[in-house]
Protein backbone atom coordinates (compact mmCIF):
# COMPACT_ATOMS: atom_id res chain seq x y z
CA MET A 1 27.56 -74.98 54.89
CA GLU A 2 25.35 -75.79 51.94
CA ASN A 3 21.87 -74.24 51.91
CA VAL A 4 22.69 -72.12 54.99
CA HIS A 5 22.29 -68.40 54.29
CA VAL A 6 23.79 -66.01 56.84
CA VAL A 7 22.23 -62.59 56.33
CA SER A 8 24.84 -59.89 56.80
CA ASN A 9 24.17 -56.16 56.84
CA PRO A 10 24.65 -53.31 59.36
CA PHE A 11 21.04 -53.42 60.59
CA VAL A 12 21.24 -57.16 61.31
CA ALA A 13 24.61 -56.80 63.04
CA ASP A 14 23.39 -53.92 65.20
CA ALA A 15 20.13 -55.65 66.17
CA LEU A 16 21.90 -58.92 66.95
CA THR A 17 24.34 -57.15 69.26
CA HIS A 18 21.43 -55.65 71.22
CA LEU A 19 19.73 -59.04 71.41
CA ARG A 20 22.84 -60.75 72.71
CA ASP A 21 23.48 -58.11 75.39
CA LYS A 22 22.19 -59.44 78.72
CA THR A 23 21.39 -55.87 79.89
CA THR A 24 18.88 -55.30 77.05
CA ALA A 25 15.44 -54.84 78.63
CA THR A 26 12.28 -56.52 77.33
CA GLN A 27 10.89 -53.53 75.41
CA GLU A 28 14.21 -52.92 73.68
CA PHE A 29 14.67 -56.64 73.03
CA ARG A 30 11.29 -56.78 71.26
CA HIS A 31 12.16 -53.71 69.19
CA PHE A 32 15.40 -55.18 67.86
CA SER A 33 13.85 -58.62 67.50
CA ASP A 34 11.19 -57.18 65.20
CA ILE A 35 13.84 -55.39 63.13
CA ILE A 36 16.06 -58.41 62.63
CA CYS A 37 13.16 -60.79 62.01
CA GLN A 38 11.63 -58.58 59.31
CA ILE A 39 14.95 -58.58 57.47
CA LEU A 40 15.40 -62.34 57.83
CA ILE A 41 11.84 -63.07 56.67
CA ALA A 42 12.22 -60.80 53.66
CA GLU A 43 15.57 -62.38 52.77
CA SER A 44 14.13 -65.87 53.07
CA LEU A 45 11.92 -65.34 50.03
CA LYS A 46 13.86 -62.80 48.00
CA ASP A 47 13.99 -65.25 45.08
CA VAL A 48 10.26 -66.06 44.86
CA SER A 49 8.41 -65.61 41.59
CA MET A 50 6.55 -62.43 40.87
CA LEU A 51 3.24 -61.87 39.10
CA PRO A 52 3.19 -59.10 36.47
CA VAL A 53 0.34 -56.63 36.93
CA THR A 54 -0.79 -53.38 35.38
CA ILE A 55 -1.73 -50.56 37.75
CA GLU A 56 -2.60 -46.91 37.58
CA THR A 57 -0.61 -44.31 39.48
CA PRO A 58 -2.15 -40.87 40.08
CA LEU A 59 -0.50 -39.84 36.80
CA THR A 60 -0.41 -42.77 34.40
CA THR A 61 -0.63 -46.54 33.82
CA ILE A 62 2.44 -48.69 34.46
CA LYS A 63 3.43 -52.33 34.72
CA GLY A 64 4.43 -53.64 38.14
CA GLN A 65 4.98 -56.88 40.03
CA LYS A 66 3.29 -58.54 42.98
CA LEU A 67 4.14 -61.66 44.97
CA ALA A 68 2.61 -64.69 43.27
CA GLU A 69 2.97 -67.43 45.88
CA ASN A 70 0.85 -68.40 48.85
CA VAL A 71 2.85 -68.18 52.07
CA ILE A 72 2.22 -70.21 55.23
CA VAL A 73 4.15 -69.26 58.35
CA ILE A 74 4.56 -71.91 61.04
CA PRO A 75 6.07 -70.65 64.29
CA ILE A 76 7.29 -73.32 66.68
CA LEU A 77 5.77 -72.50 70.07
CA ARG A 78 6.67 -70.63 72.12
CA ALA A 79 9.66 -68.60 70.92
CA GLY A 80 8.71 -68.90 67.25
CA VAL A 81 5.70 -66.68 67.93
CA ALA A 82 8.12 -63.82 68.57
CA MET A 83 8.89 -63.86 64.84
CA LEU A 84 5.24 -63.90 63.76
CA PRO A 85 4.54 -60.12 63.88
CA SER A 86 7.50 -59.53 61.58
CA ALA A 87 6.39 -62.30 59.21
CA LEU A 88 2.89 -60.84 58.96
CA THR A 89 4.31 -57.37 58.38
CA VAL A 90 6.22 -58.69 55.38
CA PHE A 91 3.46 -61.09 54.23
CA PRO A 92 0.14 -59.72 55.57
CA LYS A 93 -1.88 -62.30 53.60
CA ALA A 94 0.06 -65.27 54.97
CA LYS A 95 -1.79 -68.10 56.65
CA VAL A 96 -0.45 -69.24 60.00
CA GLY A 97 -0.07 -72.71 61.49
CA PHE A 98 1.07 -73.62 64.98
CA ILE A 99 2.97 -76.52 66.47
CA GLY A 100 3.74 -76.88 70.17
CA LEU A 101 6.70 -78.98 71.23
CA GLN A 102 7.91 -79.36 74.80
CA ARG A 103 11.57 -80.24 75.21
CA ASP A 104 12.48 -82.76 77.89
CA GLU A 105 15.24 -81.04 79.85
CA GLN A 106 16.94 -84.37 80.55
CA THR A 107 16.90 -85.90 77.07
CA ALA A 108 16.44 -82.70 74.99
CA ILE A 109 13.88 -84.68 72.94
CA ALA A 110 10.81 -82.69 71.91
CA LYS A 111 7.28 -83.99 72.49
CA GLU A 112 4.37 -82.57 70.50
CA TYR A 113 1.46 -81.17 72.51
CA TYR A 114 -0.29 -78.88 70.00
CA TRP A 115 -0.99 -78.96 66.25
CA LYS A 116 -3.17 -76.54 64.29
CA MET A 117 -2.54 -75.99 60.59
CA PRO A 118 -4.22 -74.37 57.62
CA HIS A 119 -4.72 -76.51 54.53
CA ILE A 120 -1.29 -76.97 52.96
CA THR A 121 -0.98 -77.63 49.22
CA ALA A 122 1.80 -78.27 46.74
CA GLU A 123 1.56 -74.63 45.65
CA ASP A 124 2.36 -73.18 49.07
CA ILE A 125 5.59 -71.79 50.45
CA VAL A 126 6.14 -72.76 54.07
CA LEU A 127 8.30 -70.71 56.40
CA ILE A 128 9.19 -72.34 59.73
CA THR A 129 10.16 -69.78 62.35
CA ASP A 130 12.13 -70.51 65.50
CA PRO A 131 14.60 -67.85 66.62
CA MET A 132 17.05 -70.29 68.23
CA LEU A 133 17.93 -73.36 66.15
CA ALA A 134 19.67 -75.44 68.81
CA THR A 135 19.48 -79.24 68.48
CA GLY A 136 17.14 -78.98 65.51
CA GLY A 137 14.89 -81.68 66.97
CA SER A 138 11.69 -79.64 66.92
CA THR A 139 12.30 -78.40 63.40
CA VAL A 140 13.09 -81.87 62.06
CA HIS A 141 9.93 -83.19 63.75
CA LEU A 142 7.87 -80.52 61.96
CA LEU A 143 9.62 -81.08 58.64
CA HIS A 144 8.75 -84.78 58.78
CA LYS A 145 5.08 -83.94 59.40
CA ILE A 146 4.76 -81.56 56.46
CA ALA A 147 7.07 -83.43 54.05
CA LYS A 148 4.19 -85.50 52.67
CA LYS A 149 2.49 -82.29 51.51
CA GLN A 150 5.29 -81.83 48.95
CA THR A 151 5.05 -78.07 49.19
CA LYS A 152 6.67 -75.79 46.65
CA ILE A 153 9.27 -74.41 49.06
CA VAL A 154 10.02 -75.06 52.74
CA ARG A 155 12.51 -72.82 54.53
CA VAL A 156 13.65 -72.44 58.12
CA VAL A 157 14.17 -68.92 59.45
CA CYS A 158 16.03 -68.37 62.72
CA VAL A 159 17.97 -65.58 64.40
CA ILE A 160 20.82 -67.77 65.67
CA ALA A 161 21.72 -71.31 64.64
CA ALA A 162 23.99 -73.87 66.28
CA PRO A 163 26.07 -76.19 64.05
CA GLU A 164 24.36 -79.18 65.71
CA GLY A 165 20.90 -77.97 64.64
CA ILE A 166 22.05 -77.21 61.12
CA HIS A 167 23.59 -80.67 60.75
CA ALA A 168 20.41 -82.34 62.07
CA ILE A 169 18.29 -80.59 59.44
CA GLN A 170 20.76 -81.16 56.62
CA LYS A 171 21.02 -84.85 57.46
CA ALA A 172 17.26 -85.38 57.35
CA PHE A 173 16.31 -82.75 54.76
CA PRO A 174 19.37 -81.71 52.73
CA ASN A 175 17.35 -79.54 50.34
CA VAL A 176 15.79 -77.32 53.01
CA HIS A 177 17.34 -73.87 53.16
CA ILE A 178 18.15 -72.24 56.51
CA ILE A 179 18.18 -68.45 56.80
CA THR A 180 19.85 -67.01 59.88
CA ALA A 181 21.67 -63.97 61.23
CA ALA A 182 24.47 -65.99 62.81
CA VAL A 183 25.91 -69.48 63.17
CA ASP A 184 27.25 -69.73 66.70
CA ASP A 185 29.94 -71.98 68.13
CA HIS A 186 28.26 -74.91 69.89
CA LEU A 187 25.64 -76.19 72.33
CA ASN A 188 26.53 -76.47 76.01
CA ASP A 189 25.63 -79.44 78.19
CA LYS A 190 22.14 -77.96 78.74
CA LYS A 191 21.60 -77.68 74.95
CA PHE A 192 21.76 -73.87 74.99
CA ILE A 193 23.52 -72.10 72.12
CA VAL A 194 26.91 -70.56 72.97
CA PRO A 195 27.53 -67.63 72.89
CA GLY A 196 23.82 -67.26 72.07
CA LEU A 197 21.60 -64.80 73.89
CA GLY A 198 19.84 -66.87 76.53
CA ASP A 199 16.21 -67.95 76.30
CA TYR A 200 14.66 -65.99 73.42
CA GLY A 201 11.08 -66.60 74.49
CA ASP A 202 11.70 -65.50 78.06
CA ARG A 203 13.49 -62.35 76.97
CA TYR A 204 10.89 -61.43 74.31
CA PHE A 205 7.82 -62.14 76.43
CA GLY A 206 9.31 -60.90 79.70
CA THR A 207 8.80 -64.13 81.62
CA THR A 208 12.11 -63.89 83.49
CA GLU A 209 14.00 -61.04 85.04
CA GLN A 210 16.71 -59.48 82.88
């Protein structure tokens, strides 16, 4: 699928297997979540421009490169927050915005209940984080709200994506890139990704028994 980037390497494959396993306990789930999310976040901006700089090592002066862009990370509450520590490890200077969307279990339509954003400019790179891209409704809602900012780059980073969510984003925003570790088979009648890994937020935050 166009503009969908499936990150494939042994560390991602290993971490994803642990995340999918229903016997993985909360502490272990967090550990492998942090590993896979750091890789996905780094991959999401591997093509950003660099700023040439001159620095001094303990021995001499050399030319190096530093990241030039301003990064804003927007996790979609609640599960998107699970990706935030990894994002801030990769981009410690990043600003963070938050959007809260509650999905109606009957209609699967998301309703916004929280919005707190830093100032977004045309020079910013926006990373939207939500580990499970299911219907895509929440992400499309957020993309519509920030579209008027005409930011430099907007990308969606998720651990697992369903074809339905990908199609929803591509239909509304065909130029937005999606970075993921896996594209799964389908959504079930409860709008959960199959084979998936269950509820990411519950498993990361320990709010249900494993």
